[in-house]
Amino acid sequence: MANNVKFTNKEKQIFFGDYPLISQPLTVKDAVKAGDVIGVDASGNYGKYNKSATYTTPYAIAYEGAEADKQCSAILTAYLVESFVLLPSDPTEKLKLKQELRKIGLFLR
């Protein structure tokens, strides 16, 4: 490896304001990426939120990515920058999901 290798670091703001932050490791049944909304099913299992499939109730937001059946750090309450969270592209579904996230203490700006 050459001695003059350049490293670049791009910072991305995730949190906003001074709202309390609560995180917890969760074992997810589906693979998730950082910023994915984690949903919970009727049996109490966690996975990537999908309104029409198994994990229909929003529970948290993944802080880091994780493979299926692995633990990931999940944000349970926080004031987050909206660009970090992977929201649906449809404006109506996006608004509904933002409202559901507010109910559980996840605020987006």
PDB file of N, CA and C in Angstrom:
ATOM      1  N   MET A   1       0.848  -1.176   0.000  1.00  0.00           N
ATOM      2  CA  MET A   1       0.000   0.000   0.000  1.00  0.00           C
ATOM      3  C   MET A   1       0.891   1.237   0.000  1.00  0.00           C
ATOM      4  N   ALA A   2       0.553   2.198  -0.827  1.00  0.00           N
ATOM      5  CA  ALA A   2       1.337   3.432  -0.929  1.00  0.00           C
ATOM      6  C   ALA A   2       1.215   4.260   0.339  1.00  0.00           C
ATOM      7  N   ASN A   3       2.227   5.072   0.593  1.00  0.00           N
ATOM      8  CA  ASN A   3       2.247   5.899   1.792  1.00  0.00           C
ATOM      9  C   ASN A   3       1.357   7.134   1.691  1.00  0.00           C
ATOM     10  N   ASN A   4       0.975   7.515   0.512  1.00  0.00           N
ATOM     11  CA  ASN A   4       0.205   8.745   0.350  1.00  0.00           C
ATOM     12  C   ASN A   4      -1.256   8.468  -0.036  1.00  0.00           C
ATOM     13  N   VAL A   5      -1.874   7.506   0.607  1.00  0.00           N
ATOM     14  CA  VAL A   5      -3.273   7.186   0.357  1.00  0.00           C
ATOM     15  C   VAL A   5      -4.143   8.214   1.059  1.00  0.00           C
ATOM     16  N   LYS A   6      -5.134   8.737   0.331  1.00  0.00           N
ATOM     17  CA  LYS A   6      -6.048   9.720   0.919  1.00  0.00           C
ATOM     18  C   LYS A   6      -7.317   9.025   1.396  1.00  0.00           C
ATOM     19  N   PHE A   7      -7.725   9.389   2.587  1.00  0.00           N
ATOM     20  CA  PHE A   7      -8.969   8.882   3.140  1.00  0.00           C
ATOM     21  C   PHE A   7      -9.958  10.035   3.221  1.00  0.00           C
ATOM     22  N   THR A   8     -11.177   9.770   2.870  1.00  0.00           N
ATOM     23  CA  THR A   8     -12.201  10.803   2.974  1.00  0.00           C
ATOM     24  C   THR A   8     -13.278  10.325   3.941  1.00  0.00           C
ATOM     25  N   ASN A   9     -13.806  11.246   4.689  1.00  0.00           N
ATOM     26  CA  ASN A   9     -14.849  10.965   5.656  1.00  0.00           C
ATOM     27  C   ASN A   9     -15.977  11.948   5.419  1.00  0.00           C
ATOM     28  N   LYS A  10     -17.162  11.426   5.172  1.00  0.00           N
ATOM     29  CA  LYS A  10     -18.317  12.288   4.950  1.00  0.00           C
ATOM     30  C   LYS A  10     -19.232  12.169   6.159  1.00  0.00           C
ATOM     31  N   GLU A  11     -19.435  13.285   6.835  1.00  0.00           N
ATOM     32  CA  GLU A  11     -20.317  13.283   7.996  1.00  0.00           C
ATOM     33  C   GLU A  11     -21.742  13.539   7.555  1.00  0.00           C
ATOM     34  N   LYS A  12     -22.656  12.878   8.220  1.00  0.00           N
ATOM     35  CA  LYS A  12     -24.065  13.016   7.905  1.00  0.00           C
ATOM     36  C   LYS A  12     -24.810  13.258   9.209  1.00  0.00           C
ATOM     37  N   GLN A  13     -25.553  14.337   9.264  1.00  0.00           N
ATOM     38  CA  GLN A  13     -26.305  14.640  10.485  1.00  0.00           C
ATOM     39  C   GLN A  13     -27.505  13.714  10.571  1.00  0.00           C
ATOM     40  N   ILE A  14     -27.675  13.130  11.742  1.00  0.00           N
ATOM     41  CA  ILE A  14     -28.795  12.212  11.970  1.00  0.00           C
ATOM     42  C   ILE A  14     -29.775  12.792  12.973  1.00  0.00           C
ATOM     43  N   PHE A  15     -29.243  13.345  14.055  1.00  0.00           N
ATOM     44  CA  PHE A  15     -30.089  13.834  15.138  1.00  0.00           C
ATOM     45  C   PHE A  15     -30.274  15.340  15.047  1.00  0.00           C
ATOM     46  N   PHE A  16     -31.401  15.816  15.602  1.00  0.00           N
ATOM     47  CA  PHE A  16     -31.729  17.233  15.589  1.00  0.00           C
ATOM     48  C   PHE A  16     -32.201  17.624  16.981  1.00  0.00           C
ATOM     49  N   GLY A  17     -31.762  18.772  17.443  1.00  0.00           N
ATOM     50  CA  GLY A  17     -32.236  19.287  18.723  1.00  0.00           C
ATOM     51  C   GLY A  17     -31.727  18.496  19.912  1.00  0.00           C
ATOM     52  N   ASP A  18     -32.411  18.673  21.041  1.00  0.00           N
ATOM     53  CA  ASP A  18     -31.980  18.019  22.274  1.00  0.00           C
ATOM     54  C   ASP A  18     -33.050  17.087  22.845  1.00  0.00           C
ATOM     55  N   TYR A  19     -33.868  16.518  21.975  1.00  0.00           N
ATOM     56  CA  TYR A  19     -34.885  15.564  22.400  1.00  0.00           C
ATOM     57  C   TYR A  19     -34.181  14.299  22.916  1.00  0.00           C
ATOM     58  N   PRO A  20     -34.686  13.668  23.973  1.00  0.00           N
ATOM     59  CA  PRO A  20     -34.028  12.476  24.518  1.00  0.00           C
ATOM     60  C   PRO A  20     -33.901  11.357  23.481  1.00  0.00           C
ATOM     61  N   LEU A  21     -32.769  10.716  23.509  1.00  0.00           N
ATOM     62  CA  LEU A  21     -32.490   9.620  22.590  1.00  0.00           C
ATOM     63  C   LEU A  21     -32.475   8.319  23.376  1.00  0.00           C
ATOM     64  N   ILE A  22     -33.245   7.349  22.922  1.00  0.00           N
ATOM     65  CA  ILE A  22     -33.247   6.026  23.534  1.00  0.00           C
ATOM     66  C   ILE A  22     -32.995   5.017  22.424  1.00  0.00           C
ATOM     67  N   SER A  23     -31.964   4.212  22.605  1.00  0.00           N
ATOM     68  CA  SER A  23     -31.670   3.172  21.625  1.00  0.00           C
ATOM     69  C   SER A  23     -31.588   1.830  22.331  1.00  0.00           C
ATOM     70  N   GLN A  24     -31.769   0.775  21.546  1.00  0.00           N
ATOM     71  CA  GLN A  24     -31.760  -0.570  22.098  1.00  0.00           C
ATOM     72  C   GLN A  24     -31.389  -1.535  20.978  1.00  0.00           C
ATOM     73  N   PRO A  25     -30.598  -2.554  21.286  1.00  0.00           N
ATOM     74  CA  PRO A  25     -30.319  -3.558  20.260  1.00  0.00           C
ATOM     75  C   PRO A  25     -31.539  -4.463  20.066  1.00  0.00           C
ATOM     76  N   LEU A  26     -31.918  -4.680  18.818  1.00  0.00           N
ATOM     77  CA  LEU A  26     -33.048  -5.550  18.492  1.00  0.00           C
ATOM     78  C   LEU A  26     -32.573  -6.624  17.523  1.00  0.00           C
ATOM     79  N   THR A  27     -33.053  -7.836  17.695  1.00  0.00           N
ATOM     80  CA  THR A  27     -32.775  -8.907  16.739  1.00  0.00           C
ATOM     81  C   THR A  27     -33.849  -8.856  15.661  1.00  0.00           C
ATOM     82  N   VAL A  28     -33.438  -8.594  14.435  1.00  0.00           N
ATOM     83  CA  VAL A  28     -34.382  -8.451  13.325  1.00  0.00           C
ATOM     84  C   VAL A  28     -34.439  -9.745  12.518  1.00  0.00           C
ATOM     85  N   LYS A  29     -35.632 -10.092  12.067  1.00  0.00           N
ATOM     86  CA  LYS A  29     -35.833 -11.303  11.275  1.00  0.00           C
ATOM     87  C   LYS A  29     -35.553 -11.050   9.792  1.00  0.00           C
ATOM     88  N   ASP A  30     -35.648  -9.797   9.347  1.00  0.00           N
ATOM     89  CA  ASP A  30     -35.336  -9.404   7.968  1.00  0.00           C
ATOM     90  C   ASP A  30     -34.115  -8.509   7.982  1.00  0.00           C
ATOM     91  N   ALA A  31     -33.372  -8.489   6.895  1.00  0.00           N
ATOM     92  CA  ALA A  31     -32.225  -7.594   6.782  1.00  0.00           C
ATOM     93  C   ALA A  31     -32.715  -6.146   6.739  1.00  0.00           C
ATOM     94  N   VAL A  32     -32.001  -5.254   7.427  1.00  0.00           N
ATOM     95  CA  VAL A  32     -32.333  -3.826   7.428  1.00  0.00           C
ATOM     96  C   VAL A  32     -31.078  -3.012   7.133  1.00  0.00           C
ATOM     97  N   LYS A  33     -31.308  -1.800   6.622  1.00  0.00           N
ATOM     98  CA  LYS A  33     -30.229  -0.844   6.382  1.00  0.00           C
ATOM     99  C   LYS A  33     -30.382   0.296   7.376  1.00  0.00           C
ATOM    100  N   ALA A  34     -29.332   1.069   7.534  1.00  0.00           N
ATOM    101  CA  ALA A  34     -29.409   2.246   8.400  1.00  0.00           C
ATOM    102  C   ALA A  34     -30.484   3.177   7.855  1.00  0.00           C
ATOM    103  N   GLY A  35     -31.401   3.589   8.715  1.00  0.00           N
ATOM    104  CA  GLY A  35     -32.489   4.475   8.317  1.00  0.00           C
ATOM    105  C   GLY A  35     -33.786   3.763   8.025  1.00  0.00           C
ATOM    106  N   ASP A  36     -33.777   2.437   7.940  1.00  0.00           N
ATOM    107  CA  ASP A  36     -35.017   1.690   7.714  1.00  0.00           C
ATOM    108  C   ASP A  36     -35.905   1.763   8.951  1.00  0.00           C
ATOM    109  N   VAL A  37     -37.196   1.800   8.718  1.00  0.00           N
ATOM    110  CA  VAL A  37     -38.163   1.726   9.815  1.00  0.00           C
ATOM    111  C   VAL A  37     -38.321   0.251  10.173  1.00  0.00           C
ATOM    112  N   ILE A  38     -38.189  -0.048  11.444  1.00  0.00           N
ATOM    113  CA  ILE A  38     -38.352  -1.424  11.932  1.00  0.00           C
ATOM    114  C   ILE A  38     -39.772  -1.576  12.425  1.00  0.00           C
ATOM    115  N   GLY A  39     -40.415  -2.632  11.968  1.00  0.00           N
ATOM    116  CA  GLY A  39     -41.782  -2.913  12.382  1.00  0.00           C
ATOM    117  C   GLY A  39     -41.827  -4.143  13.273  1.00  0.00           C
ATOM    118  N   VAL A  40     -42.956  -4.336  13.913  1.00  0.00           N
ATOM    119  CA  VAL A  40     -43.155  -5.496  14.786  1.00  0.00           C
ATOM    120  C   VAL A  40     -44.406  -6.222  14.311  1.00  0.00           C
ATOM    121  N   ASP A  41     -44.384  -7.557  14.397  1.00  0.00           N
ATOM    122  CA  ASP A  41     -45.560  -8.327  14.002  1.00  0.00           C
ATOM    123  C   ASP A  41     -46.358  -8.737  15.242  1.00  0.00           C
ATOM    124  N   ALA A  42     -47.431  -9.486  15.049  1.00  0.00           N
ATOM    125  CA  ALA A  42     -48.306  -9.877  16.151  1.00  0.00           C
ATOM    126  C   ALA A  42     -47.601 -10.786  17.158  1.00  0.00           C
ATOM    127  N   SER A  43     -46.554 -11.495  16.731  1.00  0.00           N
ATOM    128  CA  SER A  43     -45.817 -12.404  17.623  1.00  0.00           C
ATOM    129  C   SER A  43     -44.698 -11.721  18.385  1.00  0.00           C
ATOM    130  N   GLY A  44     -44.446 -10.430  18.099  1.00  0.00           N
ATOM    131  CA  GLY A  44     -43.386  -9.703  18.777  1.00  0.00           C
ATOM    132  C   GLY A  44     -42.034  -9.789  18.085  1.00  0.00           C
ATOM    133  N   ASN A  45     -42.013 -10.259  16.841  1.00  0.00           N
ATOM    134  CA  ASN A  45     -40.771 -10.321  16.071  1.00  0.00           C
ATOM    135  C   ASN A  45     -40.557  -8.993  15.344  1.00  0.00           C
ATOM    136  N   TYR A  46     -39.287  -8.633  15.146  1.00  0.00           N
ATOM    137  CA  TYR A  46     -38.941  -7.377  14.487  1.00  0.00           C
ATOM    138  C   TYR A  46     -38.388  -7.636  13.095  1.00  0.00           C
ATOM    139  N   GLY A  47     -38.703  -6.729  12.187  1.00  0.00           N
ATOM    140  CA  GLY A  47     -38.192  -6.811  10.821  1.00  0.00           C
ATOM    141  C   GLY A  47     -38.412  -5.497  10.110  1.00  0.00           C
ATOM    142  N   LYS A  48     -38.031  -5.427   8.845  1.00  0.00           N
ATOM    143  CA  LYS A  48     -38.198  -4.206   8.072  1.00  0.00           C
ATOM    144  C   LYS A  48     -39.691  -3.917   7.914  1.00  0.00           C
ATOM    145  N   TYR A  49     -40.086  -2.683   8.257  1.00  0.00           N
ATOM    146  CA  TYR A  49     -41.498  -2.282   8.201  1.00  0.00           C
ATOM    147  C   TYR A  49     -42.026  -2.403   6.775  1.00  0.00           C
ATOM    148  N   ASN A  50     -43.208  -3.010   6.665  1.00  0.00           N
ATOM    149  CA  ASN A  50     -43.893  -3.109   5.387  1.00  0.00           C
ATOM    150  C   ASN A  50     -45.383  -3.103   5.689  1.00  0.00           C
ATOM    151  N   LYS A  51     -46.052  -2.089   5.224  1.00  0.00           N
ATOM    152  CA  LYS A  51     -47.460  -1.897   5.580  1.00  0.00           C
ATOM    153  C   LYS A  51     -48.350  -3.066   5.151  1.00  0.00           C
ATOM    154  N   SER A  52     -48.029  -3.710   4.038  1.00  0.00           N
ATOM    155  CA  SER A  52     -48.905  -4.755   3.523  1.00  0.00           C
ATOM    156  C   SER A  52     -48.409  -6.168   3.819  1.00  0.00           C
ATOM    157  N   ALA A  53     -47.309  -6.317   4.553  1.00  0.00           N
ATOM    158  CA  ALA A  53     -46.769  -7.655   4.810  1.00  0.00           C
ATOM    159  C   ALA A  53     -46.772  -7.958   6.311  1.00  0.00           C
ATOM    160  N   THR A  54     -45.767  -8.607   6.787  1.00  0.00           N
ATOM    161  CA  THR A  54     -45.726  -9.117   8.161  1.00  0.00           C
ATOM    162  C   THR A  54     -45.556  -8.033   9.211  1.00  0.00           C
ATOM    163  N   TYR A  55     -44.579  -7.155   9.049  1.00  0.00           N
ATOM    164  CA  TYR A  55     -44.214  -6.182  10.090  1.00  0.00           C
ATOM    165  C   TYR A  55     -44.947  -4.864   9.830  1.00  0.00           C
ATOM    166  N   THR A  56     -46.183  -4.803  10.285  1.00  0.00           N
ATOM    167  CA  THR A  56     -47.077  -3.710   9.911  1.00  0.00           C
ATOM    168  C   THR A  56     -47.148  -2.567  10.922  1.00  0.00           C
ATOM    169  N   THR A  57     -46.610  -2.743  12.111  1.00  0.00           N
ATOM    170  CA  THR A  57     -46.659  -1.698  13.128  1.00  0.00           C
ATOM    171  C   THR A  57     -45.263  -1.112  13.319  1.00  0.00           C
ATOM    172  N   PRO A  58     -45.077   0.199  13.054  1.00  0.00           N
ATOM    173  CA  PRO A  58     -43.752   0.802  13.261  1.00  0.00           C
ATOM    174  C   PRO A  58     -43.332   0.725  14.722  1.00  0.00           C
ATOM    175  N   TYR A  59     -42.045   0.433  14.959  1.00  0.00           N
ATOM    176  CA  TYR A  59     -41.549   0.297  16.318  1.00  0.00           C
ATOM    177  C   TYR A  59     -40.298   1.125  16.564  1.00  0.00           C
ATOM    178  N   ALA A  60     -39.374   1.177  15.603  1.00  0.00           N
ATOM    179  CA  ALA A  60     -38.092   1.856  15.785  1.00  0.00           C
ATOM    180  C   ALA A  60     -37.495   2.186  14.427  1.00  0.00           C
ATOM    181  N   ILE A  61     -36.318   2.814  14.450  1.00  0.00           N
ATOM    182  CA  ILE A  61     -35.566   3.102  13.227  1.00  0.00           C
ATOM    183  C   ILE A  61     -34.175   2.521  13.398  1.00  0.00           C
ATOM    184  N   ALA A  62     -33.719   1.802  12.381  1.00  0.00           N
ATOM    185  CA  ALA A  62     -32.402   1.172  12.436  1.00  0.00           C
ATOM    186  C   ALA A  62     -31.312   2.236  12.362  1.00  0.00           C
ATOM    187  N   TYR A  63     -30.391   2.191  13.311  1.00  0.00           N
ATOM    188  CA  TYR A  63     -29.258   3.114  13.337  1.00  0.00           C
ATOM    189  C   TYR A  63     -28.112   2.594  12.481  1.00  0.00           C
ATOM    190  N   GLU A  64     -28.064   1.283  12.319  1.00  0.00           N
ATOM    191  CA  GLU A  64     -27.052   0.638  11.501  1.00  0.00           C
ATOM    192  C   GLU A  64     -27.687  -0.545  10.787  1.00  0.00           C
ATOM    193  N   GLY A  65     -27.046  -1.004   9.752  1.00  0.00           N
ATOM    194  CA  GLY A  65     -27.565  -2.132   9.010  1.00  0.00           C
ATOM    195  C   GLY A  65     -27.316  -3.446   9.730  1.00  0.00           C
ATOM    196  N   ALA A  66     -28.142  -4.445   9.421  1.00  0.00           N
ATOM    197  CA  ALA A  66     -27.973  -5.779  10.002  1.00  0.00           C
ATOM    198  C   ALA A  66     -28.572  -6.805   9.052  1.00  0.00           C
ATOM    199  N   GLU A  67     -27.989  -7.986   9.068  1.00  0.00           N
ATOM    200  CA  GLU A  67     -28.502  -9.093   8.274  1.00  0.00           C
ATOM    201  C   GLU A  67     -29.662  -9.745   9.019  1.00  0.00           C
ATOM    202  N   ALA A  68     -30.363 -10.624   8.333  1.00  0.00           N
ATOM    203  CA  ALA A  68     -31.491 -11.327   8.945  1.00  0.00           C
ATOM    204  C   ALA A  68     -31.018 -12.150  10.136  1.00  0.00           C
ATOM    205  N   ASP A  69     -31.826 -12.187  11.183  1.00  0.00           N
ATOM    206  CA  ASP A  69     -31.555 -12.914  12.426  1.00  0.00           C
ATOM    207  C   ASP A  69     -30.296 -12.437  13.144  1.00  0.00           C
ATOM    208  N   LYS A  70     -29.960 -11.164  12.985  1.00  0.00           N
ATOM    209  CA  LYS A  70     -28.826 -10.546  13.684  1.00  0.00           C
ATOM    210  C   LYS A  70     -29.332  -9.347  14.475  1.00  0.00           C
ATOM    211  N   GLN A  71     -28.519  -8.884  15.424  1.00  0.00           N
ATOM    212  CA  GLN A  71     -28.890  -7.702  16.201  1.00  0.00           C
ATOM    213  C   GLN A  71     -28.453  -6.437  15.478  1.00  0.00           C
ATOM    214  N   CYS A  72     -29.282  -5.410  15.606  1.00  0.00           N
ATOM    215  CA  CYS A  72     -28.910  -4.092  15.093  1.00  0.00           C
ATOM    216  C   CYS A  72     -29.288  -3.055  16.147  1.00  0.00           C
ATOM    217  N   SER A  73     -28.579  -1.948  16.138  1.00  0.00           N
ATOM    218  CA  SER A  73     -28.917  -0.847  17.045  1.00  0.00           C
ATOM    219  C   SER A  73     -30.139  -0.142  16.487  1.00  0.00           C
ATOM    220  N   ALA A  74     -31.135   0.022  17.323  1.00  0.00           N
ATOM    221  CA  ALA A  74     -32.383   0.646  16.894  1.00  0.00           C
ATOM    222  C   ALA A  74     -32.678   1.858  17.762  1.00  0.00           C
ATOM    223  N   ILE A  75     -33.170   2.910  17.150  1.00  0.00           N
ATOM    224  CA  ILE A  75     -33.535   4.138  17.850  1.00  0.00           C
ATOM    225  C   ILE A  75     -35.019   4.057  18.182  1.00  0.00           C
ATOM    226  N   LEU A  76     -35.332   4.101  19.479  1.00  0.00           N
ATOM    227  CA  LEU A  76     -36.727   3.998  19.912  1.00  0.00           C
ATOM    228  C   LEU A  76     -37.388   5.359  20.031  1.00  0.00           C
ATOM    229  N   THR A  77     -36.678   6.361  20.543  1.00  0.00           N
ATOM    230  CA  THR A  77     -37.193   7.728  20.587  1.00  0.00           C
ATOM    231  C   THR A  77     -36.064   8.682  20.247  1.00  0.00           C
ATOM    232  N   ALA A  78     -36.381   9.692  19.458  1.00  0.00           N
ATOM    233  CA  ALA A  78     -35.374  10.701  19.089  1.00  0.00           C
ATOM    234  C   ALA A  78     -36.032  11.734  18.190  1.00  0.00           C
ATOM    235  N   TYR A  79     -35.311  12.828  17.979  1.00  0.00           N
ATOM    236  CA  TYR A  79     -35.685  13.856  17.014  1.00  0.00           C
ATOM    237  C   TYR A  79     -34.664  13.720  15.893  1.00  0.00           C
ATOM    238  N   LEU A  80     -35.088  13.216  14.746  1.00  0.00           N
ATOM    239  CA  LEU A  80     -34.180  12.855  13.666  1.00  0.00           C
ATOM    240  C   LEU A  80     -34.323  13.768  12.459  1.00  0.00           C
ATOM    241  N   VAL A  81     -33.256  13.867  11.694  1.00  0.00           N
ATOM    242  CA  VAL A  81     -33.294  14.570  10.417  1.00  0.00           C
ATOM    243  C   VAL A  81     -33.992  13.644   9.425  1.00  0.00           C
ATOM    244  N   GLU A  82     -34.983  14.154   8.723  1.00  0.00           N
ATOM    245  CA  GLU A  82     -35.816  13.331   7.847  1.00  0.00           C
ATOM    246  C   GLU A  82     -35.013  12.639   6.743  1.00  0.00           C
ATOM    247  N   SER A  83     -33.942  13.252   6.295  1.00  0.00           N
ATOM    248  CA  SER A  83     -33.178  12.657   5.203  1.00  0.00           C
ATOM    249  C   SER A  83     -32.486  11.354   5.615  1.00  0.00           C
ATOM    250  N   PHE A  84     -32.313  11.103   6.908  1.00  0.00           N
ATOM    251  CA  PHE A  84     -31.703   9.852   7.375  1.00  0.00           C
ATOM    252  C   PHE A  84     -32.679   8.683   7.267  1.00  0.00           C
ATOM    253  N   VAL A  85     -33.948   8.940   7.498  1.00  0.00           N
ATOM    254  CA  VAL A  85     -34.958   7.876   7.544  1.00  0.00           C
ATOM    255  C   VAL A  85     -35.405   7.544   6.129  1.00  0.00           C
ATOM    256  N   LEU A  86     -35.458   6.259   5.816  1.00  0.00           N
ATOM    257  CA  LEU A  86     -35.893   5.805   4.496  1.00  0.00           C
ATOM    258  C   LEU A  86     -37.418   5.695   4.495  1.00  0.00           C
ATOM    259  N   LEU A  87     -38.062   6.730   3.985  1.00  0.00           N
ATOM    260  CA  LEU A  87     -39.522   6.803   3.959  1.00  0.00           C
ATOM    261  C   LEU A  87     -40.054   6.420   2.584  1.00  0.00           C
ATOM    262  N   PRO A  88     -41.340   6.033   2.492  1.00  0.00           N
ATOM    263  CA  PRO A  88     -41.925   5.721   1.186  1.00  0.00           C
ATOM    264  C   PRO A  88     -41.923   6.950   0.278  1.00  0.00           C
ATOM    265  N   SER A  89     -41.906   6.724  -1.020  1.00  0.00           N
ATOM    266  CA  SER A  89     -41.891   7.846  -1.964  1.00  0.00           C
ATOM    267  C   SER A  89     -43.283   8.439  -2.183  1.00  0.00           C
ATOM    268  N   ASP A  90     -44.330   7.651  -1.972  1.00  0.00           N
ATOM    269  CA  ASP A  90     -45.695   8.147  -2.119  1.00  0.00           C
ATOM    270  C   ASP A  90     -45.999   9.154  -1.011  1.00  0.00           C
ATOM    271  N   PRO A  91     -46.404  10.396  -1.359  1.00  0.00           N
ATOM    272  CA  PRO A  91     -46.632  11.432  -0.339  1.00  0.00           C
ATOM    273  C   PRO A  91     -47.676  11.051   0.719  1.00  0.00           C
ATOM    274  N   THR A  92     -48.734  10.356   0.317  1.00  0.00           N
ATOM    275  CA  THR A  92     -49.779   9.972   1.271  1.00  0.00           C
ATOM    276  C   THR A  92     -49.246   8.946   2.270  1.00  0.00           C
ATOM    277  N   GLU A  93     -48.549   7.928   1.777  1.00  0.00           N
ATOM    278  CA  GLU A  93     -47.993   6.910   2.670  1.00  0.00           C
ATOM    279  C   GLU A  93     -46.882   7.487   3.537  1.00  0.00           C
ATOM    280  N   LYS A  94     -46.117   8.408   2.977  1.00  0.00           N
ATOM    281  CA  LYS A  94     -45.044   9.064   3.732  1.00  0.00           C
ATOM    282  C   LYS A  94     -45.629   9.831   4.916  1.00  0.00           C
ATOM    283  N   LEU A  95     -46.703  10.585   4.682  1.00  0.00           N
ATOM    284  CA  LEU A  95     -47.353  11.352   5.739  1.00  0.00           C
ATOM    285  C   LEU A  95     -47.917  10.426   6.815  1.00  0.00           C
ATOM    286  N   LYS A  96     -48.567   9.345   6.406  1.00  0.00           N
ATOM    287  CA  LYS A  96     -49.140   8.404   7.378  1.00  0.00           C
ATOM    288  C   LYS A  96     -48.061   7.760   8.237  1.00  0.00           C
ATOM    289  N   LEU A  97     -46.944   7.396   7.608  1.00  0.00           N
ATOM    290  CA  LEU A  97     -45.862   6.777   8.370  1.00  0.00           C
ATOM    291  C   LEU A  97     -45.235   7.781   9.334  1.00  0.00           C
ATOM    292  N   LYS A  98     -45.069   9.025   8.901  1.00  0.00           N
ATOM    293  CA  LYS A  98     -44.530  10.062   9.796  1.00  0.00           C
ATOM    294  C   LYS A  98     -45.451  10.262  10.995  1.00  0.00           C
ATOM    295  N   GLN A  99     -46.758  10.218  10.786  1.00  0.00           N
ATOM    296  CA  GLN A  99     -47.715  10.358  11.878  1.00  0.00           C
ATOM    297  C   GLN A  99     -47.625   9.171  12.839  1.00  0.00           C
ATOM    298  N   GLU A 100     -47.460   7.965  12.292  1.00  0.00           N
ATOM    299  CA  GLU A 100     -47.305   6.776  13.145  1.00  0.00           C
ATOM    300  C   GLU A 100     -46.014   6.848  13.955  1.00  0.00           C
ATOM    301  N   LEU A 101     -44.947   7.353  13.343  1.00  0.00           N
ATOM    302  CA  LEU A 101     -43.676   7.475  14.054  1.00  0.00           C
ATOM    303  C   LEU A 101     -43.771   8.493  15.189  1.00  0.00           C
ATOM    304  N   ARG A 102     -44.526   9.565  14.968  1.00  0.00           N
ATOM    305  CA  ARG A 102     -44.713  10.570  16.026  1.00  0.00           C
ATOM    306  C   ARG A 102     -45.394   9.962  17.245  1.00  0.00           C
ATOM    307  N   LYS A 103     -46.335   9.061  17.009  1.00  0.00           N
ATOM    308  CA  LYS A 103     -47.071   8.435  18.115  1.00  0.00           C
ATOM    309  C   LYS A 103     -46.155   7.623  19.034  1.00  0.00           C
ATOM    310  N   ILE A 104     -45.057   7.116  18.500  1.00  0.00           N
ATOM    311  CA  ILE A 104     -44.152   6.293  19.317  1.00  0.00           C
ATOM    312  C   ILE A 104     -42.890   7.070  19.741  1.00  0.00           C
ATOM    313  N   GLY A 105     -42.866   8.383  19.509  1.00  0.00           N
ATOM    314  CA  GLY A 105     -41.767   9.203  20.002  1.00  0.00           C
ATOM    315  C   GLY A 105     -40.610   9.380  19.038  1.00  0.00           C
ATOM    316  N   LEU A 106     -40.840   9.151  17.751  1.00  0.00           N
ATOM    317  CA  LEU A 106     -39.811   9.382  16.732  1.00  0.00           C
ATOM    318  C   LEU A 106     -40.260  10.555  15.873  1.00  0.00           C
ATOM    319  N   PHE A 107     -39.618  11.683  16.077  1.00  0.00           N
ATOM    320  CA  PHE A 107     -39.988  12.918  15.392  1.00  0.00           C
ATOM    321  C   PHE A 107     -38.992  13.201  14.272  1.00  0.00           C
ATOM    322  N   LEU A 108     -39.509  13.624  13.128  1.00  0.00           N
ATOM    323  CA  LEU A 108     -38.668  13.911  11.965  1.00  0.00           C
ATOM    324  C   LEU A 108     -38.729  15.390  11.626  1.00  0.00           C
ATOM    325  N   ARG A 109     -37.593  15.930  11.230  1.00  0.00           N
ATOM    326  CA  ARG A 109     -37.546  17.325  10.791  1.00  0.00           C
ATOM    327  C   ARG A 109     -36.865  17.390   9.453  1.00  0.00           C
TER     328      ARG A 109
END
